[in-house]
Amino acid sequence: MTTVYIYPKMLSGKQAKSSTGPDWLGFGHKNLSTQLADKLRQYVAANSHHAINVAVADGSESPEALLRADAGLVLISPYLRGQFAITSLNIIYLSEAEYLLRQLPRIYRRIDQLDQSLGG
């Protein structure tokens, strides 16, 4: 089992109590990252990618640490572009259209490739 993490924010500040990166839409609304996770979970289930889990990272670990743990992919919010100096095939900086659920084919292809690499 491997995980696709959505990395919506980065904890910063003293004692990591503040965060960087807009994700909250207000009371009564799901966060953008939660909406994206729900959409990707639907895709994973519909395509029988049983070895793939989708989760939202809380920002307490770096994207690199998530990859070392169990992540197959880390999808980073477009609002965090420039916050990390990371180059990895398994770390994807989302476009704003992808993050706002308007265009997901590139992410779906990467999930399909990840499933194939896992023997699915």
N, C-alpha and C. Protein backbone atom coordinates (compact mmCIF):
# COMPACT_ATOMS: atom_id res chain seq x y z
N MET A 1 0.85 -1.17 0.00
CA MET A 1 0.00 0.00 0.00
C MET A 1 0.89 1.23 0.00
N THR A 2 0.56 2.17 -0.84
CA THR A 2 1.28 3.44 -0.90
C THR A 2 0.27 4.58 -0.84
N THR A 3 0.75 5.75 -0.56
CA THR A 3 -0.15 6.89 -0.34
C THR A 3 0.17 8.03 -1.30
N VAL A 4 -0.88 8.66 -1.79
CA VAL A 4 -0.78 9.91 -2.53
C VAL A 4 -1.15 11.00 -1.52
N TYR A 5 -0.18 11.84 -1.17
CA TYR A 5 -0.43 12.91 -0.21
C TYR A 5 -0.70 14.22 -0.94
N ILE A 6 -1.66 14.94 -0.44
CA ILE A 6 -1.91 16.31 -0.89
C ILE A 6 -1.29 17.20 0.17
N TYR A 7 -0.41 18.08 -0.25
CA TYR A 7 0.34 18.94 0.68
C TYR A 7 -0.18 20.37 0.52
N PRO A 8 -1.22 20.74 1.30
CA PRO A 8 -1.88 22.02 1.09
C PRO A 8 -1.24 23.21 1.79
N LYS A 9 -0.49 22.95 2.85
CA LYS A 9 0.06 24.05 3.63
C LYS A 9 1.35 23.60 4.30
N MET A 10 2.10 24.58 4.74
CA MET A 10 3.36 24.31 5.40
C MET A 10 3.30 24.99 6.75
N LEU A 11 3.53 24.24 7.81
CA LEU A 11 3.51 24.83 9.14
C LEU A 11 4.74 25.71 9.32
N SER A 12 4.53 26.85 9.91
CA SER A 12 5.65 27.77 10.13
C SER A 12 5.38 28.57 11.39
N GLY A 13 6.32 29.37 11.76
CA GLY A 13 6.15 30.21 12.95
C GLY A 13 6.60 29.49 14.20
N LYS A 14 6.56 30.22 15.28
CA LYS A 14 6.98 29.68 16.56
C LYS A 14 6.05 28.55 16.98
N GLN A 15 6.60 27.42 17.28
CA GLN A 15 5.88 26.22 17.68
C GLN A 15 4.95 25.72 16.59
N ALA A 16 5.16 26.12 15.36
CA ALA A 16 4.41 25.63 14.19
C ALA A 16 2.90 25.76 14.38
N LYS A 17 2.46 26.91 14.89
CA LYS A 17 1.03 27.11 15.09
C LYS A 17 0.37 27.86 13.94
N SER A 18 1.15 28.48 13.07
CA SER A 18 0.57 29.16 11.92
C SER A 18 0.93 28.37 10.67
N SER A 19 0.20 28.63 9.60
CA SER A 19 0.48 27.89 8.37
C SER A 19 0.48 28.84 7.19
N THR A 20 1.15 28.41 6.13
CA THR A 20 1.23 29.17 4.90
C THR A 20 0.49 28.40 3.83
N GLY A 21 -0.29 29.09 3.04
CA GLY A 21 -1.01 28.45 1.94
C GLY A 21 -2.50 28.44 2.17
N PRO A 22 -3.27 29.15 1.33
CA PRO A 22 -4.73 29.19 1.52
C PRO A 22 -5.35 27.83 1.21
N ASP A 23 -6.18 27.37 2.12
CA ASP A 23 -6.85 26.09 1.94
C ASP A 23 -8.26 26.14 2.50
N TRP A 24 -8.53 27.07 3.37
CA TRP A 24 -9.79 27.13 4.09
C TRP A 24 -10.77 28.00 3.33
N LEU A 25 -11.98 27.52 3.11
CA LEU A 25 -12.99 28.27 2.37
C LEU A 25 -14.05 28.91 3.26
N GLY A 26 -13.98 28.68 4.54
CA GLY A 26 -14.95 29.27 5.45
C GLY A 26 -15.84 28.20 6.05
N PHE A 27 -16.63 28.62 7.00
CA PHE A 27 -17.51 27.69 7.70
C PHE A 27 -18.52 27.07 6.73
N GLY A 28 -18.77 25.79 6.90
CA GLY A 28 -19.75 25.11 6.06
C GLY A 28 -19.21 24.64 4.73
N HIS A 29 -17.92 24.84 4.50
CA HIS A 29 -17.30 24.40 3.24
C HIS A 29 -16.14 23.46 3.53
N LYS A 30 -15.95 22.50 2.67
CA LYS A 30 -14.77 21.64 2.79
C LYS A 30 -13.55 22.42 2.30
N ASN A 31 -12.41 22.14 2.91
CA ASN A 31 -11.16 22.73 2.44
C ASN A 31 -10.90 22.30 1.00
N LEU A 32 -10.13 23.10 0.29
CA LEU A 32 -9.77 22.75 -1.09
C LEU A 32 -9.05 21.41 -1.13
N SER A 33 -8.14 21.19 -0.19
CA SER A 33 -7.38 19.94 -0.17
C SER A 33 -8.30 18.75 0.10
N THR A 34 -9.30 18.91 0.95
CA THR A 34 -10.24 17.84 1.24
C THR A 34 -11.10 17.53 0.02
N GLN A 35 -11.51 18.56 -0.69
CA GLN A 35 -12.29 18.35 -1.92
C GLN A 35 -11.46 17.59 -2.95
N LEU A 36 -10.19 17.97 -3.09
CA LEU A 36 -9.30 17.28 -4.03
C LEU A 36 -9.09 15.84 -3.60
N ALA A 37 -8.87 15.62 -2.32
CA ALA A 37 -8.68 14.25 -1.82
C ALA A 37 -9.92 13.40 -2.09
N ASP A 38 -11.10 13.95 -1.87
CA ASP A 38 -12.34 13.21 -2.15
C ASP A 38 -12.43 12.84 -3.62
N LYS A 39 -12.10 13.77 -4.49
CA LYS A 39 -12.14 13.53 -5.94
C LYS A 39 -11.14 12.43 -6.33
N LEU A 40 -9.94 12.48 -5.78
CA LEU A 40 -8.93 11.47 -6.10
C LEU A 40 -9.30 10.10 -5.52
N ARG A 41 -9.91 10.09 -4.34
CA ARG A 41 -10.37 8.81 -3.77
C ARG A 41 -11.44 8.17 -4.65
N GLN A 42 -12.33 8.99 -5.18
CA GLN A 42 -13.35 8.48 -6.10
C GLN A 42 -12.69 7.87 -7.33
N TYR A 43 -11.68 8.55 -7.87
CA TYR A 43 -10.98 8.04 -9.05
C TYR A 43 -10.27 6.73 -8.73
N VAL A 44 -9.58 6.68 -7.60
CA VAL A 44 -8.86 5.47 -7.20
C VAL A 44 -9.83 4.30 -7.05
N ALA A 45 -10.96 4.53 -6.41
CA ALA A 45 -11.96 3.46 -6.21
C ALA A 45 -12.58 3.03 -7.54
N ALA A 46 -12.91 3.99 -8.38
CA ALA A 46 -13.56 3.67 -9.66
C ALA A 46 -12.65 2.88 -10.59
N ASN A 47 -11.34 3.06 -10.43
CA ASN A 47 -10.38 2.39 -11.30
C ASN A 47 -9.69 1.22 -10.61
N SER A 48 -10.22 0.79 -9.49
CA SER A 48 -9.73 -0.38 -8.76
C SER A 48 -8.24 -0.32 -8.44
N HIS A 49 -7.78 0.85 -8.04
CA HIS A 49 -6.39 1.00 -7.61
C HIS A 49 -6.33 0.73 -6.10
N HIS A 50 -6.48 -0.54 -5.73
CA HIS A 50 -6.63 -0.92 -4.33
C HIS A 50 -5.38 -0.69 -3.49
N ALA A 51 -4.22 -0.60 -4.11
CA ALA A 51 -2.98 -0.44 -3.36
C ALA A 51 -2.63 1.02 -3.12
N ILE A 52 -3.56 1.93 -3.47
CA ILE A 52 -3.28 3.36 -3.34
C ILE A 52 -4.27 4.00 -2.37
N ASN A 53 -3.71 4.72 -1.43
CA ASN A 53 -4.49 5.49 -0.47
C ASN A 53 -4.28 6.97 -0.77
N VAL A 54 -5.28 7.81 -0.49
CA VAL A 54 -5.16 9.25 -0.67
C VAL A 54 -5.34 9.92 0.68
N ALA A 55 -4.43 10.82 1.04
CA ALA A 55 -4.51 11.51 2.33
C ALA A 55 -4.06 12.96 2.17
N VAL A 56 -4.49 13.78 3.11
CA VAL A 56 -4.07 15.18 3.15
C VAL A 56 -3.01 15.31 4.24
N ALA A 57 -1.85 15.80 3.87
CA ALA A 57 -0.77 16.00 4.84
C ALA A 57 -1.08 17.22 5.69
N ASP A 58 -0.66 17.19 6.95
CA ASP A 58 -0.94 18.32 7.84
C ASP A 58 0.16 19.38 7.82
N GLY A 59 1.21 19.15 7.06
CA GLY A 59 2.29 20.13 6.95
C GLY A 59 3.37 20.00 8.00
N SER A 60 3.22 19.06 8.92
CA SER A 60 4.23 18.91 9.97
C SER A 60 5.48 18.18 9.47
N GLU A 61 5.35 17.43 8.39
CA GLU A 61 6.50 16.75 7.79
C GLU A 61 6.78 17.35 6.42
N SER A 62 8.02 17.33 6.03
CA SER A 62 8.38 17.85 4.72
C SER A 62 7.92 16.88 3.63
N PRO A 63 7.77 17.36 2.40
CA PRO A 63 7.43 16.45 1.31
C PRO A 63 8.43 15.31 1.16
N GLU A 64 9.71 15.61 1.37
CA GLU A 64 10.74 14.57 1.27
C GLU A 64 10.53 13.49 2.33
N ALA A 65 10.17 13.89 3.56
CA ALA A 65 9.93 12.92 4.63
C ALA A 65 8.73 12.04 4.30
N LEU A 66 7.72 12.62 3.70
CA LEU A 66 6.55 11.82 3.29
C LEU A 66 6.95 10.79 2.25
N LEU A 67 7.81 11.18 1.30
CA LEU A 67 8.27 10.23 0.29
C LEU A 67 9.07 9.10 0.92
N ARG A 68 9.90 9.42 1.88
CA ARG A 68 10.69 8.39 2.55
C ARG A 68 9.81 7.43 3.34
N ALA A 69 8.71 7.95 3.89
CA ALA A 69 7.82 7.11 4.72
C ALA A 69 7.05 6.13 3.86
N ASP A 70 6.06 6.59 3.15
CA ASP A 70 5.26 5.64 2.35
C ASP A 70 4.59 6.29 1.15
N ALA A 71 4.93 7.51 0.84
CA ALA A 71 4.25 8.20 -0.24
C ALA A 71 4.72 7.73 -1.60
N GLY A 72 3.77 7.53 -2.48
CA GLY A 72 4.08 7.26 -3.86
C GLY A 72 4.14 8.56 -4.64
N LEU A 73 3.28 9.50 -4.24
CA LEU A 73 3.25 10.83 -4.84
C LEU A 73 2.96 11.85 -3.75
N VAL A 74 3.53 13.05 -3.91
CA VAL A 74 3.19 14.18 -3.06
C VAL A 74 2.75 15.29 -3.99
N LEU A 75 1.50 15.73 -3.84
CA LEU A 75 0.93 16.78 -4.67
C LEU A 75 0.94 18.08 -3.86
N ILE A 76 1.74 19.04 -4.28
CA ILE A 76 1.94 20.27 -3.52
C ILE A 76 1.05 21.39 -4.06
N SER A 77 0.41 22.09 -3.14
CA SER A 77 -0.46 23.21 -3.47
C SER A 77 0.26 24.23 -4.36
N PRO A 78 -0.44 24.80 -5.33
CA PRO A 78 0.19 25.82 -6.17
C PRO A 78 0.58 27.06 -5.37
N TYR A 79 -0.04 27.25 -4.22
CA TYR A 79 0.24 28.41 -3.39
C TYR A 79 1.52 28.26 -2.58
N LEU A 80 2.14 27.10 -2.66
CA LEU A 80 3.42 26.87 -1.99
C LEU A 80 4.58 26.83 -2.98
N ARG A 81 4.30 27.14 -4.23
CA ARG A 81 5.36 27.14 -5.25
C ARG A 81 6.46 28.10 -4.80
N GLY A 82 7.68 27.63 -4.88
CA GLY A 82 8.82 28.44 -4.47
C GLY A 82 9.21 28.26 -3.00
N GLN A 83 8.41 27.54 -2.23
CA GLN A 83 8.72 27.31 -0.82
C GLN A 83 9.72 26.16 -0.64
N PHE A 84 9.82 25.30 -1.64
CA PHE A 84 10.69 24.13 -1.54
C PHE A 84 11.63 24.09 -2.73
N ALA A 85 12.82 23.59 -2.51
CA ALA A 85 13.78 23.37 -3.59
C ALA A 85 13.85 21.86 -3.81
N ILE A 86 12.78 21.30 -4.34
CA ILE A 86 12.66 19.86 -4.46
C ILE A 86 12.57 19.48 -5.93
N THR A 87 13.33 18.48 -6.30
CA THR A 87 13.19 17.91 -7.63
C THR A 87 13.08 16.41 -7.47
N SER A 88 11.92 15.90 -7.77
CA SER A 88 11.68 14.47 -7.72
C SER A 88 10.52 14.17 -8.66
N LEU A 89 10.58 13.04 -9.30
CA LEU A 89 9.48 12.65 -10.17
C LEU A 89 8.20 12.39 -9.39
N ASN A 90 8.34 12.12 -8.11
CA ASN A 90 7.18 11.78 -7.30
C ASN A 90 6.63 12.97 -6.51
N ILE A 91 7.18 14.14 -6.75
CA ILE A 91 6.63 15.36 -6.15
C ILE A 91 6.12 16.23 -7.29
N ILE A 92 4.84 16.55 -7.22
CA ILE A 92 4.19 17.30 -8.29
C ILE A 92 3.66 18.61 -7.72
N TYR A 93 4.06 19.70 -8.34
CA TYR A 93 3.49 21.00 -8.00
C TYR A 93 2.22 21.15 -8.82
N LEU A 94 1.10 21.25 -8.13
CA LEU A 94 -0.19 21.36 -8.81
C LEU A 94 -0.36 22.74 -9.42
N SER A 95 -1.06 22.78 -10.54
CA SER A 95 -1.46 24.07 -11.08
C SER A 95 -2.69 24.53 -10.30
N GLU A 96 -3.03 25.78 -10.42
CA GLU A 96 -4.23 26.27 -9.72
C GLU A 96 -5.48 25.57 -10.25
N ALA A 97 -5.53 25.31 -11.54
CA ALA A 97 -6.69 24.61 -12.13
C ALA A 97 -6.82 23.20 -11.56
N GLU A 98 -5.71 22.53 -11.35
CA GLU A 98 -5.75 21.18 -10.76
C GLU A 98 -6.21 21.26 -9.30
N TYR A 99 -5.67 22.22 -8.57
CA TYR A 99 -6.00 22.34 -7.15
C TYR A 99 -7.48 22.69 -6.96
N LEU A 100 -8.03 23.44 -7.89
CA LEU A 100 -9.43 23.85 -7.81
C LEU A 100 -10.35 22.87 -8.54
N LEU A 101 -9.85 21.68 -8.87
CA LEU A 101 -10.62 20.56 -9.45
C LEU A 101 -11.10 20.80 -10.87
N ARG A 102 -10.52 21.72 -11.59
CA ARG A 102 -10.97 21.98 -12.95
C ARG A 102 -10.29 21.09 -13.98
N GLN A 103 -9.03 20.72 -13.73
CA GLN A 103 -8.29 19.90 -14.69
C GLN A 103 -7.45 18.88 -13.92
N LEU A 104 -7.86 17.62 -14.00
CA LEU A 104 -7.14 16.58 -13.26
C LEU A 104 -6.53 15.47 -14.11
N PRO A 105 -6.58 15.51 -15.44
CA PRO A 105 -6.04 14.41 -16.23
C PRO A 105 -4.57 14.09 -15.95
N ARG A 106 -3.74 15.10 -15.73
CA ARG A 106 -2.32 14.85 -15.46
C ARG A 106 -2.16 14.06 -14.15
N ILE A 107 -2.93 14.40 -13.14
CA ILE A 107 -2.85 13.71 -11.86
C ILE A 107 -3.40 12.29 -11.99
N TYR A 108 -4.49 12.13 -12.73
CA TYR A 108 -5.03 10.79 -12.97
C TYR A 108 -4.01 9.90 -13.67
N ARG A 109 -3.29 10.44 -14.65
CA ARG A 109 -2.25 9.66 -15.36
C ARG A 109 -1.15 9.23 -14.39
N ARG A 110 -0.74 10.14 -13.51
CA ARG A 110 0.32 9.79 -12.55
C ARG A 110 -0.14 8.73 -11.58
N ILE A 111 -1.41 8.77 -11.17
CA ILE A 111 -1.95 7.73 -10.29
C ILE A 111 -2.00 6.40 -11.02
N ASP A 112 -2.40 6.40 -12.28
CA ASP A 112 -2.40 5.18 -13.08
C ASP A 112 -0.99 4.61 -13.20
N GLN A 113 0.00 5.48 -13.45
CA GLN A 113 1.39 5.03 -13.56
C GLN A 113 1.88 4.46 -12.23
N LEU A 114 1.50 5.11 -11.12
CA LEU A 114 1.89 4.61 -9.81
C LEU A 114 1.29 3.24 -9.57
N ASP A 115 0.04 3.05 -9.93
CA ASP A 115 -0.61 1.75 -9.76
C ASP A 115 0.10 0.68 -10.59
N GLN A 116 0.47 1.01 -11.82
CA GLN A 116 1.19 0.05 -12.67
C GLN A 116 2.53 -0.31 -12.08
N SER A 117 3.21 0.68 -11.49
CA SER A 117 4.53 0.41 -10.89
C SER A 117 4.40 -0.48 -9.65
N LEU A 118 3.22 -0.49 -9.04
CA LEU A 118 2.97 -1.33 -7.87
C LEU A 118 2.48 -2.71 -8.26
N GLY A 119 2.34 -2.93 -9.57
CA GLY A 119 1.90 -4.24 -10.05
C GLY A 119 0.39 -4.36 -10.19
N GLY A 120 -0.29 -3.21 -10.22
CA GLY A 120 -1.76 -3.21 -10.32
C GLY A 120 -2.27 -3.37 -11.70
